Amino acid sequence: MQFIKGQNIPLTLQLIKADLTSEDSATITYEIYDNDLSTILVSSQSAIWNSSFNCYFDELDVSTNWLNQADGNFILRWNISDTNLFAEKIIENVCIYSSSINIDSTSSIDVIQINEKLDFIQTDIKRTLGLMHENIHIDLPNYDDDNNLIGARLRIYSAPDRVGTDIDVIGEYNITSIADGPGKFTTWQQIKNIY
């Protein structure tokens, strides 16, 4: 998520249950940390259910809750309670940047290159979430004579509604394993395909 320095930050969290309905009875709080989770910059705030947006919502007033806000990447940690359907913590990246970039007459900046780098970072963040087993799909399984899984394909998707399709695949991996008897594998590999 990217926001302009000094402006209030609208934060939303949507929790989708297995039956594709929204969780609306959880208790949601959040904090914002520096990029290595060592310092809390915004202490515990609450997000409340907003039926118009169909999500938990809070507009963070940075003038009172995030003093000395700086440009950079920060960690937003959602805390989820009063439901056992979701992880207790969800981590997101927050990027704060100045609304203008001052460039002296001897410097040049390629906005297209900056946007490409930001897109690359966003894809890496989504891929990291996938490696944490969010929005993944495993198919094309191969088994040995003992019914041990010895190969499969794992795909990571950018959104839950794309899982299992060929749309919005942000990472694909080949899984291989070697088994030593029924139910006993000795090695497991997951290697990223480049395409």
C-alpha atoms as a PDB file:
ATOM      1  CA  MET A   1       0.000   0.000   0.000  1.00  0.00           C
ATOM      2  CA  GLN A   2       1.313   3.418  -0.910  1.00  0.00           C
ATOM      3  CA  PHE A   3       0.332   6.704   0.706  1.00  0.00           C
ATOM      4  CA  ILE A   4       1.414  10.333   0.483  1.00  0.00           C
ATOM      5  CA  LYS A   5       3.304  11.647   3.489  1.00  0.00           C
ATOM      6  CA  GLY A   6       1.209  13.838   5.795  1.00  0.00           C
ATOM      7  CA  GLN A   7      -2.185  12.702   4.500  1.00  0.00           C
ATOM      8  CA  ASN A   8      -4.581  10.581   6.539  1.00  0.00           C
ATOM      9  CA  ILE A   9      -4.352   6.885   5.686  1.00  0.00           C
ATOM     10  CA  PRO A  10      -7.519   4.863   4.938  1.00  0.00           C
ATOM     11  CA  LEU A  11      -6.797   1.308   6.091  1.00  0.00           C
ATOM     12  CA  THR A  12      -9.025  -1.620   5.167  1.00  0.00           C
ATOM     13  CA  LEU A  13      -8.942  -5.303   6.027  1.00  0.00           C
ATOM     14  CA  GLN A  14     -11.333  -7.764   4.431  1.00  0.00           C
ATOM     15  CA  LEU A  15     -11.566 -11.274   5.887  1.00  0.00           C
ATOM     16  CA  ILE A  16     -13.177 -13.772   3.494  1.00  0.00           C
ATOM     17  CA  LYS A  17     -14.355 -17.094   4.932  1.00  0.00           C
ATOM     18  CA  ALA A  18     -14.254 -20.417   3.084  1.00  0.00           C
ATOM     19  CA  ASP A  19     -17.911 -19.974   2.063  1.00  0.00           C
ATOM     20  CA  LEU A  20     -16.882 -16.653   0.386  1.00  0.00           C
ATOM     21  CA  THR A  21     -18.770 -14.513   2.909  1.00  0.00           C
ATOM     22  CA  SER A  22     -17.103 -11.791   4.940  1.00  0.00           C
ATOM     23  CA  GLU A  23     -16.161 -12.191   8.578  1.00  0.00           C
ATOM     24  CA  ASP A  24     -17.840  -9.231  10.296  1.00  0.00           C
ATOM     25  CA  SER A  25     -17.725 -10.074  14.011  1.00  0.00           C
ATOM     26  CA  ALA A  26     -13.983 -10.147  14.720  1.00  0.00           C
ATOM     27  CA  THR A  27     -12.111  -7.609  16.817  1.00  0.00           C
ATOM     28  CA  ILE A  28      -9.447  -5.868  14.739  1.00  0.00           C
ATOM     29  CA  THR A  29      -6.573  -3.697  15.935  1.00  0.00           C
ATOM     30  CA  TYR A  30      -3.365  -2.664  14.217  1.00  0.00           C
ATOM     31  CA  GLU A  31       0.050  -1.128  14.790  1.00  0.00           C
ATOM     32  CA  ILE A  32       2.613   0.326  12.406  1.00  0.00           C
ATOM     33  CA  TYR A  33       6.299  -0.478  12.890  1.00  0.00           C
ATOM     34  CA  ASP A  34       9.536   0.582  11.288  1.00  0.00           C
ATOM     35  CA  ASN A  35      10.722  -1.728   8.525  1.00  0.00           C
ATOM     36  CA  ASP A  36      12.494  -4.187  10.847  1.00  0.00           C
ATOM     37  CA  LEU A  37       9.678  -4.435  13.434  1.00  0.00           C
ATOM     38  CA  SER A  38      11.938  -2.999  16.151  1.00  0.00           C
ATOM     39  CA  THR A  39      10.033   0.240  16.868  1.00  0.00           C
ATOM     40  CA  ILE A  40       6.285   0.877  17.112  1.00  0.00           C
ATOM     41  CA  LEU A  41       5.503   4.100  15.239  1.00  0.00           C
ATOM     42  CA  VAL A  42       1.705   3.931  15.588  1.00  0.00           C
ATOM     43  CA  SER A  43       0.474   2.255  18.755  1.00  0.00           C
ATOM     44  CA  SER A  44      -2.635   0.085  18.857  1.00  0.00           C
ATOM     45  CA  GLN A  45      -5.563   1.486  16.873  1.00  0.00           C
ATOM     46  CA  SER A  46      -8.950  -0.143  16.194  1.00  0.00           C
ATOM     47  CA  ALA A  47     -10.577  -0.853  12.862  1.00  0.00           C
ATOM     48  CA  ILE A  48     -14.352  -1.326  12.909  1.00  0.00           C
ATOM     49  CA  TRP A  49     -16.662  -3.214  10.572  1.00  0.00           C
ATOM     50  CA  ASN A  50     -17.965  -0.999   7.780  1.00  0.00           C
ATOM     51  CA  SER A  51     -20.923  -2.605   6.007  1.00  0.00           C
ATOM     52  CA  SER A  52     -20.759  -0.087   3.138  1.00  0.00           C
ATOM     53  CA  PHE A  53     -17.196  -1.127   2.297  1.00  0.00           C
ATOM     54  CA  ASN A  54     -17.743  -4.748   3.424  1.00  0.00           C
ATOM     55  CA  CYS A  55     -14.506  -4.663   5.423  1.00  0.00           C
ATOM     56  CA  TYR A  56     -12.880  -3.444   8.616  1.00  0.00           C
ATOM     57  CA  PHE A  57     -11.934   0.209   8.261  1.00  0.00           C
ATOM     58  CA  ASP A  58     -10.041   2.962  10.008  1.00  0.00           C
ATOM     59  CA  GLU A  59      -8.803   6.285   8.729  1.00  0.00           C
ATOM     60  CA  LEU A  60      -5.521   6.849  10.505  1.00  0.00           C
ATOM     61  CA  ASP A  61      -5.102  10.517  11.445  1.00  0.00           C
ATOM     62  CA  VAL A  62      -1.354  10.925  10.982  1.00  0.00           C
ATOM     63  CA  SER A  63      -1.292  14.396  12.557  1.00  0.00           C
ATOM     64  CA  THR A  64      -2.192  12.908  15.958  1.00  0.00           C
ATOM     65  CA  ASN A  65      -1.246   9.213  15.686  1.00  0.00           C
ATOM     66  CA  TRP A  66       1.931   9.210  13.569  1.00  0.00           C
ATOM     67  CA  LEU A  67       4.067  12.160  14.558  1.00  0.00           C
ATOM     68  CA  ASN A  68       7.370  12.649  12.711  1.00  0.00           C
ATOM     69  CA  GLN A  69       6.180  10.542   9.783  1.00  0.00           C
ATOM     70  CA  ALA A  70       8.967   9.986   7.261  1.00  0.00           C
ATOM     71  CA  ASP A  71       9.282   8.645   3.734  1.00  0.00           C
ATOM     72  CA  GLY A  72      10.012   4.932   3.529  1.00  0.00           C
ATOM     73  CA  ASN A  73       8.675   1.417   3.901  1.00  0.00           C
ATOM     74  CA  PHE A  74       6.916   0.406   7.092  1.00  0.00           C
ATOM     75  CA  ILE A  75       5.175  -2.681   8.475  1.00  0.00           C
ATOM     76  CA  LEU A  76       1.435  -2.693   9.218  1.00  0.00           C
ATOM     77  CA  ARG A  77       0.506  -5.501  11.608  1.00  0.00           C
ATOM     78  CA  TRP A  78      -3.182  -6.390  11.873  1.00  0.00           C
ATOM     79  CA  ASN A  79      -4.247  -8.199  15.063  1.00  0.00           C
ATOM     80  CA  ILE A  80      -7.334 -10.405  14.683  1.00  0.00           C
ATOM     81  CA  SER A  81      -9.269 -11.780  17.641  1.00  0.00           C
ATOM     82  CA  ASP A  82     -12.725 -13.165  18.496  1.00  0.00           C
ATOM     83  CA  THR A  83     -12.595 -15.567  15.539  1.00  0.00           C
ATOM     84  CA  ASN A  84     -10.691 -18.796  14.995  1.00  0.00           C
ATOM     85  CA  LEU A  85     -11.063 -18.759  11.208  1.00  0.00           C
ATOM     86  CA  PHE A  86      -8.048 -16.562  10.476  1.00  0.00           C
ATOM     87  CA  ALA A  87      -4.472 -16.106  11.549  1.00  0.00           C
ATOM     88  CA  GLU A  88      -4.121 -13.911  14.633  1.00  0.00           C
ATOM     89  CA  LYS A  89      -1.715 -11.577  12.823  1.00  0.00           C
ATOM     90  CA  ILE A  90      -1.499 -10.349   9.228  1.00  0.00           C
ATOM     91  CA  ILE A  91       1.475  -8.332   8.011  1.00  0.00           C
ATOM     92  CA  GLU A  92       1.365  -5.778   5.182  1.00  0.00           C
ATOM     93  CA  ASN A  93       3.859  -3.337   3.732  1.00  0.00           C
ATOM     94  CA  VAL A  94       3.087   0.411   3.865  1.00  0.00           C
ATOM     95  CA  CYS A  95       5.061   2.793   1.662  1.00  0.00           C
ATOM     96  CA  ILE A  96       5.034   6.499   2.552  1.00  0.00           C
ATOM     97  CA  TYR A  97       6.397   8.967   0.013  1.00  0.00           C
ATOM     98  CA  SER A  98       6.471  12.714  -0.465  1.00  0.00           C
ATOM     99  CA  SER A  99       3.906  14.142  -2.868  1.00  0.00           C
ATOM    100  CA  SER A 100       6.631  15.789  -4.874  1.00  0.00           C
ATOM    101  CA  ILE A 101      10.186  14.884  -5.729  1.00  0.00           C
ATOM    102  CA  ASN A 102      12.689  17.740  -5.877  1.00  0.00           C
ATOM    103  CA  ILE A 103      15.244  17.261  -8.621  1.00  0.00           C
ATOM    104  CA  ASP A 104      18.088  19.696  -9.185  1.00  0.00           C
ATOM    105  CA  SER A 105      19.085  20.698 -12.689  1.00  0.00           C
ATOM    106  CA  THR A 106      21.966  18.194 -12.822  1.00  0.00           C
ATOM    107  CA  SER A 107      19.840  15.166 -11.855  1.00  0.00           C
ATOM    108  CA  SER A 108      17.410  13.172 -13.895  1.00  0.00           C
ATOM    109  CA  ILE A 109      14.813  10.659 -12.863  1.00  0.00           C
ATOM    110  CA  ASP A 110      12.984   8.114 -14.957  1.00  0.00           C
ATOM    111  CA  VAL A 111       9.456   7.788 -13.588  1.00  0.00           C
ATOM    112  CA  ILE A 112       8.833   4.683 -15.685  1.00  0.00           C
ATOM    113  CA  GLN A 113      11.829   2.947 -14.077  1.00  0.00           C
ATOM    114  CA  ILE A 114      10.576   3.878 -10.604  1.00  0.00           C
ATOM    115  CA  ASN A 115       7.107   2.486 -11.393  1.00  0.00           C
ATOM    116  CA  GLU A 116       8.644  -0.723 -12.745  1.00  0.00           C
ATOM    117  CA  LYS A 117      10.678  -1.118  -9.549  1.00  0.00           C
ATOM    118  CA  LEU A 118       7.596  -0.522  -7.394  1.00  0.00           C
ATOM    119  CA  ASP A 119       5.658  -3.113  -9.445  1.00  0.00           C
ATOM    120  CA  PHE A 120       8.524  -5.574  -8.961  1.00  0.00           C
ATOM    121  CA  ILE A 121       8.532  -4.967  -5.187  1.00  0.00           C
ATOM    122  CA  GLN A 122       4.750  -5.388  -5.040  1.00  0.00           C
ATOM    123  CA  THR A 123       5.001  -8.705  -6.922  1.00  0.00           C
ATOM    124  CA  ASP A 124       7.755  -9.864  -4.533  1.00  0.00           C
ATOM    125  CA  ILE A 125       5.559  -9.004  -1.538  1.00  0.00           C
ATOM    126  CA  LYS A 126       2.632 -10.959  -3.016  1.00  0.00           C
ATOM    127  CA  ARG A 127       4.974 -13.869  -3.779  1.00  0.00           C
ATOM    128  CA  THR A 128       6.194 -13.790  -0.168  1.00  0.00           C
ATOM    129  CA  LEU A 129       2.599 -13.965   1.037  1.00  0.00           C
ATOM    130  CA  GLY A 130       2.080 -16.945  -1.252  1.00  0.00           C
ATOM    131  CA  LEU A 131       5.090 -18.684   0.215  1.00  0.00           C
ATOM    132  CA  MET A 132       3.384 -18.209   3.577  1.00  0.00           C
ATOM    133  CA  HIS A 133       0.608 -20.350   2.019  1.00  0.00           C
ATOM    134  CA  GLU A 134      -1.817 -17.607   1.059  1.00  0.00           C
ATOM    135  CA  ASN A 135      -3.557 -17.992  -2.314  1.00  0.00           C
ATOM    136  CA  ILE A 136      -1.748 -21.177  -3.392  1.00  0.00           C
ATOM    137  CA  HIS A 137      -2.839 -24.118  -5.527  1.00  0.00           C
ATOM    138  CA  ILE A 138      -1.063 -27.479  -5.911  1.00  0.00           C
ATOM    139  CA  ASP A 139      -1.874 -29.634  -8.930  1.00  0.00           C
ATOM    140  CA  LEU A 140      -0.323 -32.059 -11.444  1.00  0.00           C
ATOM    141  CA  PRO A 141       0.654 -34.562  -8.728  1.00  0.00           C
ATOM    142  CA  ASN A 142       2.916 -37.545  -9.428  1.00  0.00           C
ATOM    143  CA  TYR A 143       3.127 -40.553  -7.104  1.00  0.00           C
ATOM    144  CA  ASP A 144       5.510 -43.490  -6.768  1.00  0.00           C
ATOM    145  CA  ASP A 145       4.502 -47.148  -6.351  1.00  0.00           C
ATOM    146  CA  ASP A 146       4.008 -46.587  -2.588  1.00  0.00           C
ATOM    147  CA  ASN A 147       1.606 -43.640  -3.238  1.00  0.00           C
ATOM    148  CA  ASN A 148       4.175 -41.097  -2.024  1.00  0.00           C
ATOM    149  CA  LEU A 149       3.942 -37.699  -3.684  1.00  0.00           C
ATOM    150  CA  ILE A 150       7.119 -37.375  -5.759  1.00  0.00           C
ATOM    151  CA  GLY A 151       6.228 -34.347  -7.867  1.00  0.00           C
ATOM    152  CA  ALA A 152       3.663 -31.576  -8.318  1.00  0.00           C
ATOM    153  CA  ARG A 153       3.218 -27.982  -9.421  1.00  0.00           C
ATOM    154  CA  LEU A 154       2.568 -25.197  -6.899  1.00  0.00           C
ATOM    155  CA  ARG A 155       1.189 -21.851  -8.043  1.00  0.00           C
ATOM    156  CA  ILE A 156       0.812 -18.590  -6.099  1.00  0.00           C
ATOM    157  CA  TYR A 157      -1.941 -16.143  -7.043  1.00  0.00           C
ATOM    158  CA  SER A 158      -2.385 -12.423  -6.460  1.00  0.00           C
ATOM    159  CA  ALA A 159      -5.998 -12.778  -5.278  1.00  0.00           C
ATOM    160  CA  PRO A 160      -8.109 -15.529  -3.655  1.00  0.00           C
ATOM    161  CA  ASP A 161     -10.671 -15.562  -6.481  1.00  0.00           C
ATOM    162  CA  ARG A 162      -7.928 -16.444  -9.011  1.00  0.00           C
ATOM    163  CA  VAL A 163      -6.683 -19.587  -7.206  1.00  0.00           C
ATOM    164  CA  GLY A 164      -6.780 -22.633  -9.486  1.00  0.00           C
ATOM    165  CA  THR A 165      -6.976 -20.604 -12.722  1.00  0.00           C
ATOM    166  CA  ASP A 166      -4.350 -19.503 -15.239  1.00  0.00           C
ATOM    167  CA  ILE A 167      -5.044 -15.835 -14.394  1.00  0.00           C
ATOM    168  CA  ASP A 168      -2.846 -13.650 -12.131  1.00  0.00           C
ATOM    169  CA  VAL A 169      -0.257 -16.359 -11.400  1.00  0.00           C
ATOM    170  CA  ILE A 170       2.625 -14.535  -9.678  1.00  0.00           C
ATOM    171  CA  GLY A 171       4.830 -17.539  -8.970  1.00  0.00           C
ATOM    172  CA  GLU A 172       5.074 -21.159 -10.076  1.00  0.00           C
ATOM    173  CA  TYR A 173       7.185 -23.876  -8.486  1.00  0.00           C
ATOM    174  CA  ASN A 174       8.020 -27.504  -9.242  1.00  0.00           C
ATOM    175  CA  ILE A 175       7.854 -29.743  -6.200  1.00  0.00           C
ATOM    176  CA  THR A 176       9.959 -32.922  -6.194  1.00  0.00           C
ATOM    177  CA  SER A 177      10.630 -35.391  -3.428  1.00  0.00           C
ATOM    178  CA  ILE A 178      12.373 -38.699  -2.956  1.00  0.00           C
ATOM    179  CA  ALA A 179      10.717 -41.310  -0.773  1.00  0.00           C
ATOM    180  CA  ASP A 180      12.192 -44.172   1.194  1.00  0.00           C
ATOM    181  CA  GLY A 181       9.182 -46.402   1.758  1.00  0.00           C
ATOM    182  CA  PRO A 182       5.474 -45.712   2.186  1.00  0.00           C
ATOM    183  CA  GLY A 183       4.831 -42.318   3.799  1.00  0.00           C
ATOM    184  CA  LYS A 184       8.530 -41.504   4.248  1.00  0.00           C
ATOM    185  CA  PHE A 185      10.215 -38.918   2.078  1.00  0.00           C
ATOM    186  CA  THR A 186      13.930 -38.241   2.474  1.00  0.00           C
ATOM    187  CA  THR A 187      14.166 -34.993   0.476  1.00  0.00           C
ATOM    188  CA  TRP A 188      11.749 -32.290  -0.621  1.00  0.00           C
ATOM    189  CA  GLN A 189      12.491 -29.524  -3.128  1.00  0.00           C
ATOM    190  CA  GLN A 190      10.430 -26.587  -4.267  1.00  0.00           C
ATOM    191  CA  ILE A 191      12.085 -24.774  -7.179  1.00  0.00           C
ATOM    192  CA  LYS A 192      10.744 -21.586  -8.797  1.00  0.00           C
ATOM    193  CA  ASN A 193       9.972 -21.817 -12.493  1.00  0.00           C
ATOM    194  CA  ILE A 194      11.050 -18.833 -14.560  1.00  0.00           C
ATOM    195  CA  TYR A 195       8.562 -17.807 -17.233  1.00  0.00           C
END
